[in-house]
Amino acid sequence: MPTYIGLLRFTQKGMENIKEFPARFDAARQAFKAHGGEVKAFYVTMGQYDAVAVVEAPNDEVMAHIALTVSSKGNIHTEHFRAFTEPEYKKIFADLP
């Protein structure tokens, strides 16, 4: 199943309601599960981003759907990147000319 790295930044609205974040994150975790995905790791961070998530989703369309659904609540801005495991990137590299 494809792996994605998510970089999250709280919006002003998200900061104003920061105590509600654990419940919102639990809802996001359930959304991944309901769509056949999984949150593999989650970290609150310091610096440019407020949190980092490592997630799996069945495909890009499901990942986009979940990211847009979560972001549409107005509490976070997200960026997601497809991540390739070592076996996946080795297969990609093996086919290079």
N, C-alpha and C. Protein backbone atom coordinates (compact mmCIF):
# COMPACT_ATOMS: atom_id res chain seq x y z
N MET A 1 0.86 -1.17 0.00
CA MET A 1 0.00 0.00 0.00
C MET A 1 0.90 1.23 0.00
N PRO A 2 0.59 2.25 -0.82
CA PRO A 2 1.42 3.45 -0.88
C PRO A 2 1.54 4.16 0.47
N THR A 3 2.72 4.69 0.71
CA THR A 3 3.00 5.46 1.92
C THR A 3 3.09 6.93 1.55
N TYR A 4 2.60 7.77 2.45
CA TYR A 4 2.62 9.22 2.25
C TYR A 4 3.14 9.89 3.52
N ILE A 5 3.89 10.97 3.32
CA ILE A 5 4.35 11.83 4.42
C ILE A 5 3.49 13.08 4.39
N GLY A 6 2.89 13.42 5.51
CA GLY A 6 2.08 14.62 5.60
C GLY A 6 2.73 15.65 6.50
N LEU A 7 2.83 16.87 6.02
CA LEU A 7 3.33 17.99 6.82
C LEU A 7 2.14 18.88 7.13
N LEU A 8 1.92 19.14 8.41
CA LEU A 8 0.73 19.88 8.84
C LEU A 8 1.11 21.17 9.54
N ARG A 9 0.34 22.21 9.27
CA ARG A 9 0.47 23.50 9.97
C ARG A 9 -0.91 23.89 10.47
N PHE A 10 -0.99 24.26 11.73
CA PHE A 10 -2.26 24.71 12.28
C PHE A 10 -2.62 26.08 11.71
N THR A 11 -3.88 26.28 11.40
CA THR A 11 -4.37 27.59 10.99
C THR A 11 -4.66 28.39 12.26
N GLN A 12 -5.02 29.65 12.09
CA GLN A 12 -5.42 30.45 13.25
C GLN A 12 -6.60 29.78 13.95
N LYS A 13 -7.58 29.32 13.18
CA LYS A 13 -8.73 28.63 13.77
C LYS A 13 -8.29 27.38 14.53
N GLY A 14 -7.36 26.63 13.95
CA GLY A 14 -6.85 25.44 14.62
C GLY A 14 -6.15 25.77 15.93
N MET A 15 -5.42 26.87 15.95
CA MET A 15 -4.74 27.28 17.19
C MET A 15 -5.74 27.76 18.24
N GLU A 16 -6.78 28.44 17.79
CA GLU A 16 -7.79 28.91 18.74
C GLU A 16 -8.52 27.75 19.41
N ASN A 17 -8.56 26.62 18.72
CA ASN A 17 -9.25 25.43 19.24
C ASN A 17 -8.28 24.27 19.44
N ILE A 18 -7.05 24.58 19.83
CA ILE A 18 -5.99 23.58 19.89
C ILE A 18 -6.32 22.42 20.85
N LYS A 19 -7.06 22.68 21.89
CA LYS A 19 -7.40 21.61 22.84
C LYS A 19 -8.27 20.54 22.20
N GLU A 20 -8.93 20.89 21.09
CA GLU A 20 -9.77 19.92 20.39
C GLU A 20 -8.98 19.07 19.40
N PHE A 21 -7.69 19.38 19.24
CA PHE A 21 -6.90 18.67 18.24
C PHE A 21 -6.85 17.16 18.45
N PRO A 22 -6.64 16.66 19.67
CA PRO A 22 -6.61 15.19 19.82
C PRO A 22 -7.87 14.51 19.30
N ALA A 23 -9.02 15.07 19.54
CA ALA A 23 -10.27 14.48 19.03
C ALA A 23 -10.33 14.59 17.51
N ARG A 24 -9.86 15.71 16.96
CA ARG A 24 -9.85 15.86 15.50
C ARG A 24 -8.90 14.86 14.86
N PHE A 25 -7.77 14.64 15.50
CA PHE A 25 -6.82 13.67 14.96
C PHE A 25 -7.39 12.26 15.03
N ASP A 26 -8.08 11.93 16.11
CA ASP A 26 -8.73 10.62 16.21
C ASP A 26 -9.73 10.43 15.07
N ALA A 27 -10.46 11.49 14.72
CA ALA A 27 -11.41 11.41 13.60
C ALA A 27 -10.67 11.19 12.29
N ALA A 28 -9.53 11.84 12.10
CA ALA A 28 -8.74 11.65 10.89
C ALA A 28 -8.22 10.21 10.83
N ARG A 29 -7.78 9.68 11.95
CA ARG A 29 -7.31 8.30 12.00
C ARG A 29 -8.43 7.35 11.58
N GLN A 30 -9.65 7.62 12.05
CA GLN A 30 -10.79 6.79 11.68
C GLN A 30 -11.13 6.92 10.20
N ALA A 31 -10.94 8.12 9.64
CA ALA A 31 -11.18 8.32 8.21
C ALA A 31 -10.22 7.46 7.40
N PHE A 32 -8.96 7.41 7.80
CA PHE A 32 -8.01 6.55 7.09
C PHE A 32 -8.45 5.10 7.17
N LYS A 33 -8.81 4.67 8.36
CA LYS A 33 -9.24 3.28 8.56
C LYS A 33 -10.48 2.97 7.71
N ALA A 34 -11.46 3.87 7.69
CA ALA A 34 -12.69 3.66 6.94
C ALA A 34 -12.45 3.55 5.44
N HIS A 35 -11.37 4.17 4.95
CA HIS A 35 -11.05 4.13 3.53
C HIS A 35 -9.95 3.11 3.21
N GLY A 36 -9.66 2.22 4.15
CA GLY A 36 -8.69 1.17 3.89
C GLY A 36 -7.25 1.56 4.13
N GLY A 37 -7.02 2.69 4.78
CA GLY A 37 -5.66 3.15 5.05
C GLY A 37 -5.31 3.03 6.52
N GLU A 38 -4.18 3.62 6.87
CA GLU A 38 -3.73 3.55 8.26
C GLU A 38 -2.75 4.69 8.56
N VAL A 39 -2.86 5.24 9.76
CA VAL A 39 -1.85 6.19 10.25
C VAL A 39 -0.76 5.34 10.88
N LYS A 40 0.42 5.37 10.30
CA LYS A 40 1.54 4.55 10.78
C LYS A 40 2.31 5.24 11.90
N ALA A 41 2.44 6.58 11.81
CA ALA A 41 3.16 7.34 12.83
C ALA A 41 2.67 8.79 12.77
N PHE A 42 2.72 9.44 13.92
CA PHE A 42 2.32 10.84 14.00
C PHE A 42 3.16 11.54 15.05
N TYR A 43 3.66 12.72 14.71
CA TYR A 43 4.52 13.48 15.61
C TYR A 43 4.09 14.95 15.61
N VAL A 44 3.98 15.54 16.77
CA VAL A 44 3.86 16.99 16.89
C VAL A 44 5.30 17.50 16.90
N THR A 45 5.56 18.53 16.11
CA THR A 45 6.93 18.99 15.93
C THR A 45 7.09 20.47 16.23
N MET A 46 8.34 20.89 16.33
CA MET A 46 8.66 22.30 16.50
C MET A 46 9.32 22.77 15.22
N GLY A 47 9.08 24.02 14.86
CA GLY A 47 9.69 24.55 13.65
C GLY A 47 8.64 24.97 12.64
N GLN A 48 8.97 24.84 11.37
CA GLN A 48 8.12 25.31 10.29
C GLN A 48 6.78 24.58 10.25
N TYR A 49 6.78 23.29 10.62
CA TYR A 49 5.56 22.49 10.61
C TYR A 49 5.19 22.12 12.03
N ASP A 50 3.88 22.03 12.28
CA ASP A 50 3.39 21.73 13.62
C ASP A 50 3.27 20.23 13.87
N ALA A 51 3.17 19.46 12.80
CA ALA A 51 3.06 18.01 12.95
C ALA A 51 3.49 17.32 11.67
N VAL A 52 3.88 16.06 11.81
CA VAL A 52 4.25 15.21 10.69
C VAL A 52 3.52 13.89 10.85
N ALA A 53 2.93 13.42 9.77
CA ALA A 53 2.23 12.13 9.79
C ALA A 53 2.80 11.22 8.71
N VAL A 54 2.92 9.96 9.05
CA VAL A 54 3.29 8.93 8.09
C VAL A 54 2.05 8.04 7.97
N VAL A 55 1.49 8.00 6.77
CA VAL A 55 0.22 7.28 6.58
C VAL A 55 0.30 6.37 5.36
N GLU A 56 -0.61 5.41 5.33
CA GLU A 56 -0.78 4.57 4.16
C GLU A 56 -2.20 4.72 3.67
N ALA A 57 -2.36 4.74 2.37
CA ALA A 57 -3.69 4.80 1.75
C ALA A 57 -3.66 3.88 0.53
N PRO A 58 -4.80 3.33 0.14
CA PRO A 58 -4.83 2.41 -0.99
C PRO A 58 -4.32 3.01 -2.30
N ASN A 59 -4.52 4.32 -2.49
CA ASN A 59 -4.09 4.95 -3.74
C ASN A 59 -4.11 6.47 -3.57
N ASP A 60 -3.64 7.18 -4.60
CA ASP A 60 -3.56 8.64 -4.54
C ASP A 60 -4.93 9.29 -4.39
N GLU A 61 -5.94 8.70 -5.03
CA GLU A 61 -7.28 9.28 -4.96
C GLU A 61 -7.82 9.25 -3.54
N VAL A 62 -7.63 8.14 -2.84
CA VAL A 62 -8.09 8.05 -1.45
C VAL A 62 -7.30 9.03 -0.58
N MET A 63 -6.00 9.11 -0.81
CA MET A 63 -5.18 10.05 -0.03
C MET A 63 -5.65 11.47 -0.25
N ALA A 64 -5.91 11.84 -1.49
CA ALA A 64 -6.38 13.19 -1.79
C ALA A 64 -7.73 13.45 -1.15
N HIS A 65 -8.61 12.48 -1.21
CA HIS A 65 -9.95 12.63 -0.62
C HIS A 65 -9.84 12.88 0.89
N ILE A 66 -9.05 12.09 1.57
CA ILE A 66 -8.91 12.25 3.03
C ILE A 66 -8.25 13.59 3.35
N ALA A 67 -7.18 13.93 2.64
CA ALA A 67 -6.49 15.20 2.90
C ALA A 67 -7.41 16.39 2.69
N LEU A 68 -8.19 16.36 1.62
CA LEU A 68 -9.11 17.47 1.37
C LEU A 68 -10.23 17.52 2.40
N THR A 69 -10.72 16.37 2.79
CA THR A 69 -11.78 16.33 3.82
C THR A 69 -11.29 16.91 5.13
N VAL A 70 -10.10 16.48 5.55
CA VAL A 70 -9.54 16.97 6.82
C VAL A 70 -9.23 18.46 6.73
N SER A 71 -8.61 18.89 5.64
CA SER A 71 -8.24 20.31 5.48
C SER A 71 -9.46 21.21 5.36
N SER A 72 -10.55 20.70 4.81
CA SER A 72 -11.74 21.53 4.60
C SER A 72 -12.39 21.99 5.90
N LYS A 73 -12.01 21.38 7.01
CA LYS A 73 -12.55 21.79 8.32
C LYS A 73 -11.96 23.13 8.77
N GLY A 74 -10.83 23.53 8.14
CA GLY A 74 -10.25 24.84 8.40
C GLY A 74 -9.29 24.91 9.57
N ASN A 75 -8.90 23.77 10.14
CA ASN A 75 -8.02 23.79 11.29
C ASN A 75 -6.54 23.57 10.95
N ILE A 76 -6.29 23.01 9.78
CA ILE A 76 -4.91 22.75 9.37
C ILE A 76 -4.74 23.00 7.88
N HIS A 77 -3.49 23.27 7.52
CA HIS A 77 -3.03 23.26 6.13
C HIS A 77 -2.14 22.03 6.01
N THR A 78 -2.25 21.31 4.92
CA THR A 78 -1.44 20.10 4.77
C THR A 78 -0.69 20.09 3.45
N GLU A 79 0.43 19.39 3.46
CA GLU A 79 1.19 19.04 2.26
C GLU A 79 1.45 17.55 2.38
N HIS A 80 1.24 16.82 1.31
CA HIS A 80 1.49 15.38 1.33
C HIS A 80 2.43 14.98 0.21
N PHE A 81 3.27 14.03 0.51
CA PHE A 81 4.25 13.55 -0.45
C PHE A 81 4.19 12.04 -0.50
N ARG A 82 4.26 11.49 -1.68
CA ARG A 82 4.34 10.03 -1.83
C ARG A 82 5.74 9.61 -1.42
N ALA A 83 5.83 8.61 -0.58
CA ALA A 83 7.12 8.10 -0.12
C ALA A 83 7.30 6.67 -0.63
N PHE A 84 8.49 6.35 -1.08
CA PHE A 84 8.76 5.02 -1.61
C PHE A 84 9.64 4.25 -0.63
N THR A 85 9.23 3.03 -0.33
CA THR A 85 10.02 2.17 0.55
C THR A 85 11.29 1.75 -0.17
N GLU A 86 12.22 1.15 0.57
CA GLU A 86 13.46 0.70 -0.05
C GLU A 86 13.21 -0.31 -1.18
N PRO A 87 12.38 -1.33 -0.99
CA PRO A 87 12.11 -2.24 -2.12
C PRO A 87 11.46 -1.52 -3.31
N GLU A 88 10.58 -0.56 -3.05
CA GLU A 88 9.93 0.17 -4.14
C GLU A 88 10.93 1.01 -4.93
N TYR A 89 11.78 1.76 -4.23
CA TYR A 89 12.71 2.61 -4.99
C TYR A 89 13.78 1.78 -5.68
N LYS A 90 14.15 0.64 -5.10
CA LYS A 90 15.13 -0.21 -5.77
C LYS A 90 14.58 -0.74 -7.09
N LYS A 91 13.30 -1.07 -7.10
CA LYS A 91 12.66 -1.53 -8.35
C LYS A 91 12.64 -0.40 -9.38
N ILE A 92 12.31 0.81 -8.93
CA ILE A 92 12.31 1.97 -9.83
C ILE A 92 13.71 2.21 -10.39
N PHE A 93 14.70 2.20 -9.52
CA PHE A 93 16.07 2.47 -9.95
C PHE A 93 16.59 1.37 -10.87
N ALA A 94 16.17 0.13 -10.67
CA ALA A 94 16.66 -0.98 -11.49
C ALA A 94 16.26 -0.83 -12.95
N ASP A 95 15.15 -0.15 -13.21
CA ASP A 95 14.68 0.04 -14.58
C ASP A 95 15.26 1.26 -15.28
N LEU A 96 16.13 2.00 -14.59
CA LEU A 96 16.73 3.18 -15.21
C LEU A 96 17.72 2.78 -16.28
N PRO A 97 17.85 3.58 -17.32
CA PRO A 97 18.82 3.25 -18.38
C PRO A 97 20.25 3.38 -17.90
